[in-house]
């Protein structure tokens, strides 16, 4: 994958975990976290901004712009697939075209934050 400047994106971190609802429900939650038919789960920290949707392919892919103004070229890619039991497998991947990698501490913060948002807040919004 390339950004508009032509730079290649590098994988900074990724995690996959099942979510209770089917992929189309999780897709809607990622596409519009504040939609009235979804439960509010996207709570931003002071150093975060509302993401924009950069790409979407219903019901299997959503790509967000960066949550972090300090790293504006990063993106978050969400891939969804059936889990065989009525729910779905959701993989988030943090990608960056930046030449300089974040520090180990900063990368840990970014990945932990995505894990909390997706595998805690989003998951709990479905009642599980």
C-alpha atoms as a PDB file:
ATOM      1  CA  UNK A   1       0.000   0.000   0.000  1.00  0.00           C
ATOM      2  CA  UNK A   2       1.200   3.524  -0.797  1.00  0.00           C
ATOM      3  CA  UNK A   3       0.220   6.924   0.536  1.00  0.00           C
ATOM      4  CA  UNK A   4      -0.629   9.781  -1.890  1.00  0.00           C
ATOM      5  CA  UNK A   5       3.016  10.922  -1.804  1.00  0.00           C
ATOM      6  CA  UNK A   6       4.011   7.501  -3.188  1.00  0.00           C
ATOM      7  CA  UNK A   7       5.687   6.236  -0.025  1.00  0.00           C
ATOM      8  CA  UNK A   8       5.246   2.590   0.969  1.00  0.00           C
ATOM      9  CA  UNK A   9       3.398   1.908   4.202  1.00  0.00           C
ATOM     10  CA  UNK A  10       5.128  -0.176   6.849  1.00  0.00           C
ATOM     11  CA  UNK A  11       3.316  -2.359   9.366  1.00  0.00           C
ATOM     12  CA  UNK A  12       3.976  -0.968  12.855  1.00  0.00           C
ATOM     13  CA  UNK A  13       1.713  -3.371  14.734  1.00  0.00           C
ATOM     14  CA  UNK A  14      -1.293  -5.620  14.309  1.00  0.00           C
ATOM     15  CA  UNK A  15      -3.682  -7.711  16.352  1.00  0.00           C
ATOM     16  CA  UNK A  16      -6.614  -9.977  15.506  1.00  0.00           C
ATOM     17  CA  UNK A  17      -9.417 -10.956  17.832  1.00  0.00           C
ATOM     18  CA  UNK A  18     -12.975 -12.164  17.418  1.00  0.00           C
ATOM     19  CA  UNK A  19     -15.924  -9.835  17.913  1.00  0.00           C
ATOM     20  CA  UNK A  20     -19.374 -11.176  18.879  1.00  0.00           C
ATOM     21  CA  UNK A  21     -21.483  -9.711  16.041  1.00  0.00           C
ATOM     22  CA  UNK A  22     -21.166 -10.538  12.348  1.00  0.00           C
ATOM     23  CA  UNK A  23     -18.817  -8.535  10.128  1.00  0.00           C
ATOM     24  CA  UNK A  24     -21.487  -6.217   8.682  1.00  0.00           C
ATOM     25  CA  UNK A  25     -22.415  -4.973  12.180  1.00  0.00           C
ATOM     26  CA  UNK A  26     -18.791  -4.367  13.178  1.00  0.00           C
ATOM     27  CA  UNK A  27     -18.194  -2.707   9.800  1.00  0.00           C
ATOM     28  CA  UNK A  28     -21.006  -0.218  10.547  1.00  0.00           C
ATOM     29  CA  UNK A  29     -19.542   0.489  13.996  1.00  0.00           C
ATOM     30  CA  UNK A  30     -16.127   1.248  12.473  1.00  0.00           C
ATOM     31  CA  UNK A  31     -17.537   3.232   9.560  1.00  0.00           C
ATOM     32  CA  UNK A  32     -19.544   5.537  11.821  1.00  0.00           C
ATOM     33  CA  UNK A  33     -18.779   5.135  15.539  1.00  0.00           C
ATOM     34  CA  UNK A  34     -21.336   7.829  16.422  1.00  0.00           C
ATOM     35  CA  UNK A  35     -24.247   6.541  14.330  1.00  0.00           C
ATOM     36  CA  UNK A  36     -27.464   6.415  16.340  1.00  0.00           C
ATOM     37  CA  UNK A  37     -27.930   2.692  15.704  1.00  0.00           C
ATOM     38  CA  UNK A  38     -24.516   1.895  17.204  1.00  0.00           C
ATOM     39  CA  UNK A  39     -23.442   2.158  20.818  1.00  0.00           C
ATOM     40  CA  UNK A  40     -20.989   4.925  21.652  1.00  0.00           C
ATOM     41  CA  UNK A  41     -17.550   3.361  22.019  1.00  0.00           C
ATOM     42  CA  UNK A  42     -15.040   5.737  20.426  1.00  0.00           C
ATOM     43  CA  UNK A  43     -13.838   7.905  23.284  1.00  0.00           C
ATOM     44  CA  UNK A  44     -10.823   9.972  22.311  1.00  0.00           C
ATOM     45  CA  UNK A  45      -7.967  11.041  24.550  1.00  0.00           C
ATOM     46  CA  UNK A  46      -6.705  14.661  24.564  1.00  0.00           C
ATOM     47  CA  UNK A  47      -3.903  13.768  22.124  1.00  0.00           C
ATOM     48  CA  UNK A  48      -6.305  12.145  19.615  1.00  0.00           C
ATOM     49  CA  UNK A  49      -8.604  13.374  16.858  1.00  0.00           C
ATOM     50  CA  UNK A  50     -11.656  11.920  15.150  1.00  0.00           C
ATOM     51  CA  UNK A  51     -10.538   9.637  12.304  1.00  0.00           C
ATOM     52  CA  UNK A  52     -11.713  10.056   8.722  1.00  0.00           C
ATOM     53  CA  UNK A  53     -12.695   7.110   6.551  1.00  0.00           C
ATOM     54  CA  UNK A  54     -10.090   6.745   3.806  1.00  0.00           C
ATOM     55  CA  UNK A  55     -11.345   3.508   2.295  1.00  0.00           C
ATOM     56  CA  UNK A  56     -14.184   1.073   2.862  1.00  0.00           C
ATOM     57  CA  UNK A  57     -15.331  -2.167   1.294  1.00  0.00           C
ATOM     58  CA  UNK A  58     -18.481  -3.449   2.958  1.00  0.00           C
ATOM     59  CA  UNK A  59     -18.323  -5.647   5.033  1.00  0.00           C
ATOM     60  CA  UNK A  60     -14.645  -6.562   5.040  1.00  0.00           C
ATOM     61  CA  UNK A  61     -12.451  -3.441   5.128  1.00  0.00           C
ATOM     62  CA  UNK A  62     -12.360  -0.017   6.774  1.00  0.00           C
ATOM     63  CA  UNK A  63      -9.311   2.260   6.685  1.00  0.00           C
ATOM     64  CA  UNK A  64      -9.084   5.208   9.064  1.00  0.00           C
ATOM     65  CA  UNK A  65      -6.860   8.244   8.990  1.00  0.00           C
ATOM     66  CA  UNK A  66      -4.564   8.694  11.958  1.00  0.00           C
ATOM     67  CA  UNK A  67      -5.995   9.264  15.418  1.00  0.00           C
ATOM     68  CA  UNK A  68      -2.841  11.136  16.383  1.00  0.00           C
ATOM     69  CA  UNK A  69      -2.082  14.657  15.070  1.00  0.00           C
ATOM     70  CA  UNK A  70       1.568  14.075  16.016  1.00  0.00           C
ATOM     71  CA  UNK A  71       1.610  11.216  13.436  1.00  0.00           C
ATOM     72  CA  UNK A  72      -0.714  12.529  10.702  1.00  0.00           C
ATOM     73  CA  UNK A  73       0.387  10.126   7.954  1.00  0.00           C
ATOM     74  CA  UNK A  74      -0.295   6.940   9.910  1.00  0.00           C
ATOM     75  CA  UNK A  75      -3.405   4.946   9.044  1.00  0.00           C
ATOM     76  CA  UNK A  76      -5.349   2.179  10.758  1.00  0.00           C
ATOM     77  CA  UNK A  77      -6.579  -0.680   8.593  1.00  0.00           C
ATOM     78  CA  UNK A  78      -9.430  -2.898   9.837  1.00  0.00           C
ATOM     79  CA  UNK A  79      -9.991  -6.236   8.124  1.00  0.00           C
ATOM     80  CA  UNK A  80     -13.081  -8.273   8.947  1.00  0.00           C
ATOM     81  CA  UNK A  81     -13.872 -11.896   8.139  1.00  0.00           C
ATOM     82  CA  UNK A  82     -16.425 -14.447   9.389  1.00  0.00           C
ATOM     83  CA  UNK A  83     -15.227 -16.450  12.388  1.00  0.00           C
ATOM     84  CA  UNK A  84     -17.354 -19.521  11.615  1.00  0.00           C
ATOM     85  CA  UNK A  85     -19.552 -19.062  14.669  1.00  0.00           C
ATOM     86  CA  UNK A  86     -21.787 -16.091  13.869  1.00  0.00           C
ATOM     87  CA  UNK A  87     -19.283 -13.411  14.865  1.00  0.00           C
ATOM     88  CA  UNK A  88     -16.268 -12.110  13.020  1.00  0.00           C
ATOM     89  CA  UNK A  89     -12.526 -11.877  13.228  1.00  0.00           C
ATOM     90  CA  UNK A  90     -11.359  -8.261  13.314  1.00  0.00           C
ATOM     91  CA  UNK A  91      -7.719  -7.434  12.616  1.00  0.00           C
ATOM     92  CA  UNK A  92      -6.428  -3.917  13.154  1.00  0.00           C
ATOM     93  CA  UNK A  93      -3.107  -2.931  11.625  1.00  0.00           C
ATOM     94  CA  UNK A  94      -1.281   0.322  12.288  1.00  0.00           C
ATOM     95  CA  UNK A  95       0.590   1.426   9.169  1.00  0.00           C
ATOM     96  CA  UNK A  96       2.943   4.311   8.519  1.00  0.00           C
ATOM     97  CA  UNK A  97       4.848   5.738   5.549  1.00  0.00           C
ATOM     98  CA  UNK A  98       7.094   7.687   7.903  1.00  0.00           C
ATOM     99  CA  UNK A  99      10.796   7.053   7.396  1.00  0.00           C
ATOM    100  CA  UNK A 100      11.465   7.310  11.116  1.00  0.00           C
ATOM    101  CA  UNK A 101       9.820   4.711  13.294  1.00  0.00           C
ATOM    102  CA  UNK A 102       8.192   5.884  16.506  1.00  0.00           C
ATOM    103  CA  UNK A 103      10.130   5.238  19.673  1.00  0.00           C
ATOM    104  CA  UNK A 104       9.461   1.926  21.353  1.00  0.00           C
ATOM    105  CA  UNK A 105       7.482   3.710  24.096  1.00  0.00           C
ATOM    106  CA  UNK A 106       5.403   5.683  21.583  1.00  0.00           C
ATOM    107  CA  UNK A 107       4.708   2.597  19.481  1.00  0.00           C
ATOM    108  CA  UNK A 108       3.657   0.727  22.617  1.00  0.00           C
ATOM    109  CA  UNK A 109       1.234   3.546  23.455  1.00  0.00           C
ATOM    110  CA  UNK A 110      -0.262   3.602  19.937  1.00  0.00           C
ATOM    111  CA  UNK A 111      -0.769  -0.171  19.799  1.00  0.00           C
ATOM    112  CA  UNK A 112      -2.132  -0.361  23.350  1.00  0.00           C
ATOM    113  CA  UNK A 113      -4.544   2.441  22.548  1.00  0.00           C
ATOM    114  CA  UNK A 114      -5.884   0.681  19.449  1.00  0.00           C
ATOM    115  CA  UNK A 115      -6.212  -2.534  21.415  1.00  0.00           C
ATOM    116  CA  UNK A 116      -8.217  -0.753  24.135  1.00  0.00           C
ATOM    117  CA  UNK A 117     -10.487   0.946  21.605  1.00  0.00           C
ATOM    118  CA  UNK A 118     -11.139  -2.154  19.507  1.00  0.00           C
ATOM    119  CA  UNK A 119     -10.748  -5.167  21.778  1.00  0.00           C
ATOM    120  CA  UNK A 120     -12.215  -3.534  24.874  1.00  0.00           C
ATOM    121  CA  UNK A 121     -14.447  -0.523  24.136  1.00  0.00           C
ATOM    122  CA  UNK A 122     -15.915  -1.743  20.836  1.00  0.00           C
ATOM    123  CA  UNK A 123     -16.247  -5.316  22.096  1.00  0.00           C
ATOM    124  CA  UNK A 124     -17.985  -4.224  25.311  1.00  0.00           C
ATOM    125  CA  UNK A 125     -20.360  -2.023  23.327  1.00  0.00           C
ATOM    126  CA  UNK A 126     -21.891  -5.246  21.995  1.00  0.00           C
ATOM    127  CA  UNK A 127     -22.468  -6.538  25.511  1.00  0.00           C
ATOM    128  CA  UNK A 128     -19.624  -9.086  25.603  1.00  0.00           C
END
